[in-house]
Amino acid sequence: MNFKATLSRQRAFFLSGATRAPEFRRAQLLKLAGLLESRETQLLAALHADLRKSPHEAYASEIGFVLGEIRHALRHLGSWMKPERRPSPMLGWPARSHIHPEPYGMALIIGPWNYPLQLLLSPLVGAIAAGNCAILKPSEFAPHTAEVVDQMIRAAYPENYLTVIRGERETSEALLRERFDSIFFTGGTETGRAVMAAAARHLTPVTLELGGKCPCIVCPDAPVETTARRIIWGKFMNAGQTCVAPDHVWVDHRIAPALLEAMKMALAEFYGEAPQQCPDYGRIVNRRHFERLAEYLKQGEIVCGGECDPADLYMAPTILANAPWDSPVMTEEIFGPILPVMEFSDIGGVLEKFRDRPKPLALYLFTRDRELQERVLAGSQSGGACINDTILQIIGHDLPFGGVGESGMGSYHGRASFDCFSHRRVVVRRPFALDSRFRYPPPGVSLPVLKRLLRFLG
């Protein structure tokens, strides 16, 4: 596979300067919003075909989310593009200094299959707003959504500005051999390492949105019913195939039986007694992931759920107890509708266990105790955290979303998306007047005087 001709055309278009104009950027964002609205029916059908997403969930978590990002970018684009005034060094007085956000140039955005529209087009909003050209590589595991996105982009944008390239893993590998100015990848940690290694060949800046085993801690003062509803909602949307879903729960042993009972009630309330018949409960993306998840069901005691239908790629929302800490279900990212629940008596021991594992994308804590909240935040590390709820830390357009360590690097959403695809170029302007000879050789002052002057100027 050779993409050099496509990249060459995009680079020529970027170098023409057309993408830098504020009017151009606004027009492209408005066009993208129009495409999402006009193709809503096709997109909802594609998301249902790929992941059995209900119209409500598909719209809220995919189409509506991206439209919100576009509206936010349109409202704030002028202020984001405006150069920021900064103090100038005294040595250059009367200089004027600014930071100019400038587009990197050509961006490669590689999307995942679990939110195949949102996680491909949300970064694109930032790339467009920042003035870049972009190549989009949708996941081959969500082919129906990829097809509609391909049709949308081809119908509305010239290939030398935005291009969709579809294909298997080999296509991504071939793209990564080319020289881009920015790479944005969402996916698994191991693939993220490969993306970063490929980017290193050209010293291309990367943003990696990965995953990890997002823990959830429930303390004894948490209201059990509300806590259960919020955990179950965050865990089982999209059949658990969400990078920031609670991966496992640590609950104080004094309220563990009550929490488990409340979780079972919440599952019945949300999805009924037969979740397979519920239009609001999704499916596993493919057979390979289904079989991987089925192995996890053997690694603990099934409290509720556990039913599977391989022909329908259906796995019931399942709660596990007594899973060994070193079992695969507790060491590998689950990314499915299985929720291990463990008891603790000392929260310090839980925090110690966290330190032995890679930093997750999210941390969830349920307690009213402000002192305990601060203790857990200080004693742990994660990409983001949410106290007394789940998922909300990624929803706000003013809240940067990203990982740390093995859960990723860099962040996006709102202004952070614009910054993600921008180089912050420092520009200092100085007149020719007042050209003091102080800085030129030979030295006009002694070294002790120079030290005092530098302390004053600093």
Protein backbone atom coordinates (compact mmCIF):
# COMPACT_ATOMS: atom_id res chain seq x y z
CA MET A 1 0.00 0.00 0.00
CA ASN A 2 1.35 3.37 -1.00
CA PHE A 3 -0.27 6.55 0.21
CA LYS A 4 2.44 8.97 -0.86
CA ALA A 5 0.34 10.55 -3.62
CA THR A 6 -2.54 11.25 -1.22
CA LEU A 7 -0.22 12.68 1.39
CA SER A 8 1.56 14.78 -1.21
CA ARG A 9 -1.71 16.37 -2.31
CA GLN A 10 -2.69 17.07 1.28
CA ARG A 11 0.66 18.61 2.08
CA ALA A 12 0.45 20.87 -0.97
CA PHE A 13 -3.03 22.00 0.05
CA PHE A 14 -1.91 22.72 3.60
CA LEU A 15 1.10 24.69 2.40
CA SER A 16 -1.21 26.82 0.27
CA GLY A 17 -2.40 28.37 3.54
CA ALA A 18 -6.09 27.78 2.81
CA THR A 19 -6.76 25.86 6.02
CA ARG A 20 -5.45 28.66 8.26
CA ALA A 21 -8.21 31.19 7.57
CA PRO A 22 -10.80 31.44 10.37
CA GLU A 23 -13.61 31.55 7.81
CA PHE A 24 -12.39 28.31 6.24
CA ARG A 25 -12.24 26.52 9.59
CA ARG A 26 -15.73 27.66 10.56
CA ALA A 27 -17.14 26.59 7.21
CA GLN A 28 -15.67 23.08 7.55
CA LEU A 29 -17.00 22.67 11.10
CA LEU A 30 -20.46 23.80 10.01
CA LYS A 31 -20.29 21.36 7.10
CA LEU A 32 -19.42 18.51 9.47
CA ALA A 33 -22.36 19.39 11.72
CA GLY A 34 -24.64 19.43 8.69
CA LEU A 35 -23.40 16.01 7.62
CA LEU A 36 -24.09 14.50 11.03
CA GLU A 37 -27.60 15.91 11.04
CA SER A 38 -28.45 14.93 7.47
CA ARG A 39 -27.00 11.41 7.85
CA GLU A 40 -28.43 10.78 11.31
CA THR A 41 -30.70 7.92 10.20
CA GLN A 42 -27.86 6.15 8.37
CA LEU A 43 -25.49 6.60 11.28
CA LEU A 44 -27.98 5.27 13.82
CA ALA A 45 -28.58 2.23 11.62
CA ALA A 46 -24.83 1.66 11.21
CA LEU A 47 -24.15 1.90 14.95
CA HIS A 48 -26.96 -0.56 15.59
CA ALA A 49 -25.56 -2.95 13.01
CA ASP A 50 -22.03 -2.77 14.44
CA LEU A 51 -22.75 -2.79 18.19
CA ARG A 52 -26.55 -3.06 18.56
CA LYS A 53 -26.62 0.44 20.03
CA SER A 54 -30.09 1.79 20.73
CA PRO A 55 -31.03 5.07 19.02
CA HIS A 56 -30.95 6.93 22.36
CA GLU A 57 -27.52 5.65 23.36
CA ALA A 58 -26.09 6.03 19.85
CA TYR A 59 -27.28 9.60 19.53
CA ALA A 60 -26.23 10.70 23.03
CA SER A 61 -22.82 9.03 23.08
CA GLU A 62 -21.88 9.39 19.42
CA ILE A 63 -23.74 11.84 17.16
CA GLY A 64 -24.89 14.27 19.85
CA PHE A 65 -21.49 14.22 21.53
CA VAL A 66 -19.69 15.23 18.34
CA LEU A 67 -22.27 17.89 17.54
CA GLY A 68 -21.69 19.33 21.02
CA GLU A 69 -17.95 19.47 20.36
CA ILE A 70 -18.56 21.26 17.06
CA ARG A 71 -20.89 23.84 18.62
CA HIS A 72 -18.40 24.47 21.42
CA ALA A 73 -15.55 24.93 18.93
CA LEU A 74 -17.59 27.35 16.81
CA ARG A 75 -18.43 29.46 19.87
CA HIS A 76 -14.83 29.70 21.03
CA LEU A 77 -12.73 29.42 17.87
CA GLY A 78 -11.99 33.15 17.73
CA SER A 79 -10.56 33.27 21.24
CA TRP A 80 -8.63 30.01 20.75
CA MET A 81 -6.95 31.37 17.61
CA LYS A 82 -6.08 34.72 19.14
CA PRO A 83 -2.37 35.13 20.00
CA GLU A 84 -1.71 35.22 23.76
CA ARG A 85 0.29 38.18 25.05
CA ARG A 86 3.17 37.21 27.35
CA PRO A 87 5.75 39.31 29.25
CA SER A 88 8.97 39.91 27.36
CA PRO A 89 12.49 39.49 28.75
CA MET A 90 13.86 42.67 30.26
CA LEU A 91 16.95 42.34 28.10
CA GLY A 92 14.79 42.84 25.03
CA TRP A 93 12.78 45.84 26.29
CA PRO A 94 10.66 47.28 24.71
CA ALA A 95 9.88 43.97 22.93
CA ARG A 96 6.40 42.48 22.58
CA SER A 97 5.94 38.72 22.98
CA HIS A 98 3.04 36.48 22.00
CA ILE A 99 2.22 32.80 21.67
CA HIS A 100 0.66 32.01 18.30
CA PRO A 101 -1.28 28.72 18.00
CA GLU A 102 -0.41 27.29 14.59
CA PRO A 103 -1.60 24.08 12.90
CA TYR A 104 0.83 21.19 12.77
CA GLY A 105 -0.09 20.41 9.18
CA MET A 106 -1.17 16.87 8.32
CA ALA A 107 -2.85 14.82 11.04
CA LEU A 108 -3.48 11.08 11.11
CA ILE A 109 -6.44 10.06 13.29
CA ILE A 110 -6.87 6.34 13.99
CA GLY A 111 -10.21 5.50 15.58
CA PRO A 112 -11.38 2.47 17.60
CA TRP A 113 -14.47 0.28 17.21
CA ASN A 114 -16.25 0.79 20.55
CA TYR A 115 -17.41 4.35 19.83
CA PRO A 116 -16.59 4.32 16.12
CA LEU A 117 -18.13 7.70 15.33
CA GLN A 118 -17.39 9.76 18.43
CA LEU A 119 -13.78 8.67 18.87
CA LEU A 120 -12.96 9.27 15.21
CA LEU A 121 -14.76 12.58 14.67
CA SER A 122 -14.22 14.28 18.05
CA PRO A 123 -10.47 14.50 17.40
CA LEU A 124 -11.28 15.63 13.86
CA VAL A 125 -13.17 18.62 15.29
CA GLY A 126 -9.95 19.70 17.01
CA ALA A 127 -7.87 19.09 13.88
CA ILE A 128 -10.21 21.19 11.73
CA ALA A 129 -10.50 23.96 14.32
CA ALA A 130 -6.71 24.14 14.58
CA GLY A 131 -6.33 24.44 10.79
CA ASN A 132 -4.95 21.03 9.82
CA CYS A 133 -5.56 18.60 7.00
CA ALA A 134 -6.39 15.07 8.16
CA ILE A 135 -6.47 11.43 7.18
CA LEU A 136 -9.03 9.33 9.06
CA LYS A 137 -8.54 5.60 9.61
CA PRO A 138 -11.76 4.11 11.05
CA SER A 139 -11.78 0.73 12.73
CA GLU A 140 -12.35 -2.26 10.50
CA PHE A 141 -14.30 -3.89 13.36
CA ALA A 142 -17.16 -1.37 12.96
CA PRO A 143 -17.52 -1.63 9.17
CA HIS A 144 -21.03 -0.21 8.83
CA THR A 145 -20.13 3.00 10.65
CA ALA A 146 -16.86 3.24 8.73
CA GLU A 147 -18.78 2.98 5.45
CA VAL A 148 -21.16 5.82 6.32
CA VAL A 149 -18.31 8.04 7.56
CA ASP A 150 -16.40 7.34 4.35
CA GLN A 151 -19.42 8.32 2.25
CA MET A 152 -19.95 11.50 4.30
CA ILE A 153 -16.38 12.73 4.02
CA ARG A 154 -15.99 11.85 0.32
CA ALA A 155 -19.23 13.62 -0.58
CA ALA A 156 -18.45 16.85 1.28
CA TYR A 157 -14.68 17.41 1.42
CA PRO A 158 -11.93 17.39 -1.21
CA GLU A 159 -9.48 14.52 -0.86
CA ASN A 160 -6.56 16.92 -0.53
CA TYR A 161 -8.12 18.24 2.70
CA LEU A 162 -9.85 15.31 4.45
CA THR A 163 -9.51 11.68 3.44
CA VAL A 164 -10.90 8.43 4.86
CA ILE A 165 -8.71 5.37 4.33
CA ARG A 166 -10.27 2.05 5.26
CA GLY A 167 -8.60 -1.29 5.69
CA GLU A 168 -7.27 -3.91 8.07
CA ARG A 169 -4.34 -3.70 10.45
CA GLU A 170 -1.90 -3.69 7.52
CA THR A 171 -3.43 -0.42 6.32
CA SER A 172 -2.74 1.26 9.66
CA GLU A 173 0.82 -0.07 9.64
CA ALA A 174 1.37 1.27 6.12
CA LEU A 175 -0.01 4.68 7.07
CA LEU A 176 2.25 4.82 10.11
CA ARG A 177 5.28 4.38 7.88
CA GLU A 178 4.49 7.71 6.25
CA ARG A 179 5.47 11.11 7.65
CA PHE A 180 2.68 12.99 9.39
CA ASP A 181 2.87 16.13 11.49
CA SER A 182 0.60 14.80 14.25
CA ILE A 183 -0.83 11.38 15.10
CA PHE A 184 -3.91 10.77 17.24
CA PHE A 185 -4.60 7.17 18.24
CA THR A 186 -7.37 5.66 20.35
CA GLY A 187 -7.13 1.98 21.18
CA GLY A 188 -5.30 -0.62 23.25
CA THR A 189 -2.06 -0.10 25.13
CA GLU A 190 -0.01 -2.59 23.11
CA THR A 191 -1.06 -1.04 19.81
CA GLY A 192 -0.37 2.37 21.32
CA ARG A 193 3.23 1.32 21.88
CA ALA A 194 3.51 0.33 18.23
CA VAL A 195 2.03 3.66 17.13
CA MET A 196 4.50 5.57 19.30
CA ALA A 197 7.42 3.54 17.95
CA ALA A 198 6.33 4.26 14.38
CA ALA A 199 5.95 7.97 15.15
CA ALA A 200 9.46 8.06 16.61
CA ARG A 201 10.92 7.37 13.17
CA HIS A 202 9.79 10.82 12.05
CA LEU A 203 9.74 12.44 15.52
CA THR A 204 6.02 13.00 15.06
CA PRO A 205 4.09 14.21 18.11
CA VAL A 206 1.49 11.68 19.25
CA THR A 207 -1.64 11.72 21.34
CA LEU A 208 -2.51 8.30 22.74
CA GLU A 209 -5.90 7.61 24.27
CA LEU A 210 -5.57 4.10 25.68
CA GLY A 211 -7.33 2.33 28.54
CA GLY A 212 -6.55 0.36 31.64
CA LYS A 213 -8.34 -1.22 34.54
CA CYS A 214 -10.34 1.67 35.96
CA PRO A 215 -11.00 0.92 39.64
CA CYS A 216 -14.03 1.96 41.65
CA ILE A 217 -13.94 2.27 45.45
CA VAL A 218 -17.11 2.29 47.53
CA CYS A 219 -16.74 3.39 51.16
CA PRO A 220 -19.18 2.52 53.97
CA ASP A 221 -20.81 5.97 54.12
CA ALA A 222 -21.88 5.90 50.43
CA PRO A 223 -25.66 5.70 49.85
CA VAL A 224 -25.97 2.18 48.50
CA GLU A 225 -28.85 2.49 46.03
CA THR A 226 -27.61 5.68 44.35
CA THR A 227 -24.06 4.32 44.21
CA ALA A 228 -25.24 1.08 42.63
CA ARG A 229 -27.25 2.85 39.93
CA ARG A 230 -24.34 5.11 39.00
CA ILE A 231 -21.85 2.25 38.83
CA ILE A 232 -24.18 0.00 36.81
CA TRP A 233 -24.94 2.85 34.38
CA GLY A 234 -21.26 3.60 33.80
CA LYS A 235 -20.22 -0.04 33.55
CA PHE A 236 -22.85 -1.53 31.26
CA MET A 237 -23.48 1.19 28.68
CA ASN A 238 -22.33 -0.10 25.30
CA ALA A 239 -22.23 -3.59 26.90
CA GLY A 240 -19.22 -2.55 28.98
CA GLN A 241 -17.14 -1.67 25.91
CA THR A 242 -16.13 1.77 27.19
CA CYS A 243 -12.54 2.73 27.97
CA VAL A 244 -13.51 4.66 31.12
CA ALA A 245 -16.08 2.15 32.39
CA PRO A 246 -15.52 0.96 35.97
CA ASP A 247 -13.43 -2.17 35.45
CA HIS A 248 -13.80 -3.56 38.96
CA VAL A 249 -15.23 -2.47 42.30
CA TRP A 250 -13.68 -2.45 45.76
CA VAL A 251 -16.39 -2.18 48.40
CA ASP A 252 -16.10 -1.95 52.18
CA HIS A 253 -17.02 -5.35 53.62
CA ARG A 254 -19.66 -3.78 55.89
CA ILE A 255 -21.86 -2.75 52.94
CA ALA A 256 -20.81 -5.35 50.35
CA PRO A 257 -23.97 -7.52 50.59
CA ALA A 258 -26.20 -4.46 50.38
CA LEU A 259 -24.30 -3.05 47.39
CA LEU A 260 -24.45 -6.35 45.50
CA GLU A 261 -28.19 -6.56 46.08
CA ALA A 262 -28.65 -2.95 44.97
CA MET A 263 -26.60 -3.62 41.82
CA LYS A 264 -28.80 -6.57 40.91
CA MET A 265 -31.88 -4.41 41.38
CA ALA A 266 -30.37 -1.66 39.21
CA LEU A 267 -29.62 -4.15 36.44
CA ALA A 268 -33.21 -5.38 36.49
CA GLU A 269 -34.47 -1.79 36.49
CA PHE A 270 -32.31 -0.76 33.52
CA TYR A 271 -32.44 -3.87 31.32
CA GLY A 272 -35.30 -6.00 32.66
CA GLU A 273 -35.23 -9.65 33.64
CA ALA A 274 -34.19 -10.66 30.10
CA PRO A 275 -31.51 -8.18 28.93
CA GLN A 276 -31.14 -10.00 25.62
CA GLN A 277 -34.61 -8.77 24.70
CA CYS A 278 -33.94 -5.23 25.91
CA PRO A 279 -33.50 -2.72 23.05
CA ASP A 280 -31.19 -0.62 25.25
CA TYR A 281 -28.58 -3.35 25.80
CA GLY A 282 -25.84 -3.79 23.22
CA ARG A 283 -23.74 -6.67 21.90
CA ILE A 284 -20.10 -7.68 21.85
CA VAL A 285 -18.39 -6.35 18.74
CA ASN A 286 -17.19 -9.68 17.30
CA ARG A 287 -16.59 -13.37 18.00
CA ARG A 288 -12.95 -12.95 19.00
CA HIS A 289 -13.79 -10.48 21.77
CA PHE A 290 -16.79 -12.60 22.80
CA GLU A 291 -14.61 -15.67 23.31
CA ARG A 292 -12.04 -13.66 25.27
CA LEU A 293 -14.76 -12.40 27.62
CA ALA A 294 -16.28 -15.86 28.00
CA GLU A 295 -13.01 -17.05 29.56
CA TYR A 296 -13.28 -14.34 32.22
CA LEU A 297 -16.63 -15.76 33.37
CA LYS A 298 -14.77 -18.83 34.65
CA GLN A 299 -12.48 -16.81 36.93
CA GLY A 300 -14.85 -15.92 39.74
CA GLU A 301 -18.20 -16.64 41.33
CA ILE A 302 -21.10 -15.39 39.21
CA VAL A 303 -23.38 -13.33 41.45
CA CYS A 304 -25.81 -12.52 38.64
CA GLY A 305 -25.82 -12.75 34.87
CA GLY A 306 -23.39 -15.03 33.07
CA GLU A 307 -25.77 -16.09 30.29
CA CYS A 308 -24.27 -16.13 26.79
CA ASP A 309 -25.54 -16.55 23.25
CA PRO A 310 -22.56 -16.77 20.86
CA ALA A 311 -24.80 -16.66 17.77
CA ASP A 312 -26.17 -13.28 18.90
CA LEU A 313 -22.85 -12.09 20.38
CA TYR A 314 -24.88 -11.56 23.56
CA MET A 315 -23.36 -11.68 27.01
CA ALA A 316 -25.57 -10.81 29.95
CA PRO A 317 -24.50 -8.03 32.31
CA THR A 318 -22.55 -10.03 34.86
CA ILE A 319 -21.27 -9.41 38.37
CA LEU A 320 -18.42 -11.60 39.63
CA ALA A 321 -17.24 -12.15 43.18
CA ASN A 322 -14.10 -13.76 44.62
CA ALA A 323 -11.96 -13.35 41.50
CA PRO A 324 -8.28 -13.95 42.39
CA TRP A 325 -6.21 -10.75 42.27
CA ASP A 326 -3.70 -12.37 39.89
CA SER A 327 -6.31 -13.90 37.53
CA PRO A 328 -6.60 -12.57 33.96
CA VAL A 329 -9.94 -10.92 34.71
CA MET A 330 -8.12 -8.85 37.34
CA THR A 331 -4.91 -8.19 35.41
CA GLU A 332 -6.22 -7.57 31.86
CA GLU A 333 -8.56 -4.80 30.76
CA ILE A 334 -12.02 -6.43 30.65
CA PHE A 335 -13.72 -4.14 28.12
CA GLY A 336 -17.00 -5.99 28.36
CA PRO A 337 -20.08 -6.56 30.54
CA ILE A 338 -18.32 -8.27 33.44
CA LEU A 339 -17.89 -6.48 36.77
CA PRO A 340 -15.72 -8.11 39.45
CA VAL A 341 -16.55 -6.95 42.98
CA MET A 342 -14.10 -7.36 45.86
CA GLU A 343 -14.34 -6.50 49.53
CA PHE A 344 -11.85 -4.54 51.62
CA SER A 345 -11.50 -3.62 55.26
CA ASP A 346 -8.55 -1.22 54.99
CA ILE A 347 -8.51 1.37 52.19
CA GLY A 348 -4.76 1.77 52.65
CA GLY A 349 -4.32 -1.80 51.40
CA VAL A 350 -6.41 -1.01 48.33
CA LEU A 351 -4.24 2.00 47.53
CA GLU A 352 -1.13 -0.16 47.90
CA LYS A 353 -2.51 -2.59 45.31
CA PHE A 354 -3.14 0.29 42.92
CA ARG A 355 0.50 1.34 43.11
CA ASP A 356 1.57 -2.09 41.85
CA ARG A 357 -0.50 -1.75 38.68
CA PRO A 358 -0.30 0.61 35.66
CA LYS A 359 -2.04 3.96 36.02
CA PRO A 360 -5.64 3.68 34.77
CA LEU A 361 -7.58 6.05 32.56
CA ALA A 362 -10.12 6.72 35.32
CA LEU A 363 -10.58 6.32 39.07
CA TYR A 364 -13.98 6.30 40.78
CA LEU A 365 -14.59 6.86 44.48
CA PHE A 366 -17.87 6.91 46.39
CA THR A 367 -17.76 8.60 49.80
CA ARG A 368 -19.03 11.74 51.49
CA ASP A 369 -15.83 12.04 53.54
CA ARG A 370 -13.84 14.96 52.10
CA GLU A 371 -10.71 14.00 54.00
CA LEU A 372 -10.90 10.47 52.60
CA GLN A 373 -11.49 11.85 49.10
CA GLU A 374 -8.26 13.85 49.34
CA ARG A 375 -6.39 10.86 50.76
CA VAL A 376 -7.41 8.63 47.86
CA LEU A 377 -6.61 11.29 45.25
CA ALA A 378 -3.20 11.92 46.83
CA GLY A 379 -2.47 8.20 47.13
CA SER A 380 -3.32 7.24 43.55
CA GLN A 381 -2.71 8.29 39.95
CA SER A 382 -5.05 8.12 36.98
CA GLY A 383 -5.90 9.96 33.79
CA GLY A 384 -9.01 11.42 35.42
CA ALA A 385 -11.15 10.86 38.48
CA CYS A 386 -14.80 11.17 39.39
CA ILE A 387 -16.10 11.22 42.94
CA ASN A 388 -19.58 9.88 43.69
CA ASP A 389 -20.40 9.15 40.03
CA THR A 390 -18.94 7.56 36.90
CA ILE A 391 -18.08 8.71 33.35
CA LEU A 392 -18.95 12.38 33.99
CA GLN A 393 -15.29 13.45 33.97
CA ILE A 394 -15.11 12.94 30.19
CA ILE A 395 -18.36 14.65 29.19
CA GLY A 396 -17.73 18.36 29.78
CA HIS A 397 -16.31 20.30 26.83
CA ASP A 398 -14.17 22.34 29.24
CA LEU A 399 -12.65 19.23 30.86
CA PRO A 400 -9.56 17.83 29.10
CA PHE A 401 -9.75 14.06 28.69
CA GLY A 402 -6.64 11.92 28.55
CA GLY A 403 -4.57 9.24 30.20
CA VAL A 404 -1.27 8.98 32.01
CA GLY A 405 1.42 6.33 31.73
CA GLU A 406 0.05 3.18 30.13
CA SER A 407 -3.42 4.71 29.85
CA GLY A 408 -2.18 7.31 27.38
CA MET A 409 -0.60 10.70 26.86
CA GLY A 410 -1.99 14.04 25.81
CA SER A 411 -5.60 15.16 26.12
CA TYR A 412 -8.50 16.50 24.08
CA HIS A 413 -12.13 17.74 24.18
CA GLY A 414 -13.00 21.40 23.77
CA ARG A 415 -10.02 23.75 23.95
CA ALA A 416 -7.76 20.79 24.66
CA SER A 417 -8.63 19.35 21.22
CA PHE A 418 -7.60 22.61 19.55
CA ASP A 419 -4.35 22.64 21.53
CA CYS A 420 -3.76 18.96 20.75
CA PHE A 421 -3.43 19.75 17.02
CA SER A 422 -1.64 23.09 17.45
CA HIS A 423 1.97 24.11 17.86
CA ARG A 424 2.32 26.99 20.31
CA ARG A 425 4.83 29.19 18.47
CA VAL A 426 6.53 31.94 20.45
CA VAL A 427 6.99 35.19 18.53
CA VAL A 428 9.02 38.09 19.97
CA ARG A 429 8.98 41.46 18.16
CA ARG A 430 11.51 44.16 18.98
CA PRO A 431 12.18 47.56 17.45
CA PHE A 432 15.67 48.58 16.31
CA ALA A 433 15.78 51.47 18.77
CA LEU A 434 17.40 51.34 22.22
CA ASP A 435 20.09 48.86 21.30
CA SER A 436 22.05 48.73 24.56
CA ARG A 437 25.64 47.51 24.30
CA PHE A 438 25.30 45.82 27.70
CA ARG A 439 24.87 42.33 26.25
CA TYR A 440 27.62 42.60 23.64
CA PRO A 441 31.25 41.74 24.25
CA PRO A 442 33.56 42.82 25.68
CA PRO A 443 31.91 42.76 29.13
CA GLY A 444 31.20 46.25 30.46
CA VAL A 445 30.70 45.15 34.07
CA SER A 446 32.42 42.79 36.50
CA LEU A 447 31.10 39.27 37.07
CA PRO A 448 29.67 40.08 40.55
CA VAL A 449 27.78 43.05 39.08
CA LEU A 450 26.53 40.84 36.22
CA LYS A 451 25.20 38.31 38.74
CA ARG A 452 23.33 41.03 40.64
CA LEU A 453 21.90 42.41 37.42
CA LEU A 454 20.70 38.97 36.26
CA ARG A 455 19.01 38.38 39.61
CA PHE A 456 17.21 41.71 39.19
CA LEU A 457 16.25 41.02 35.57
CA GLY A 458 15.07 37.50 36.42
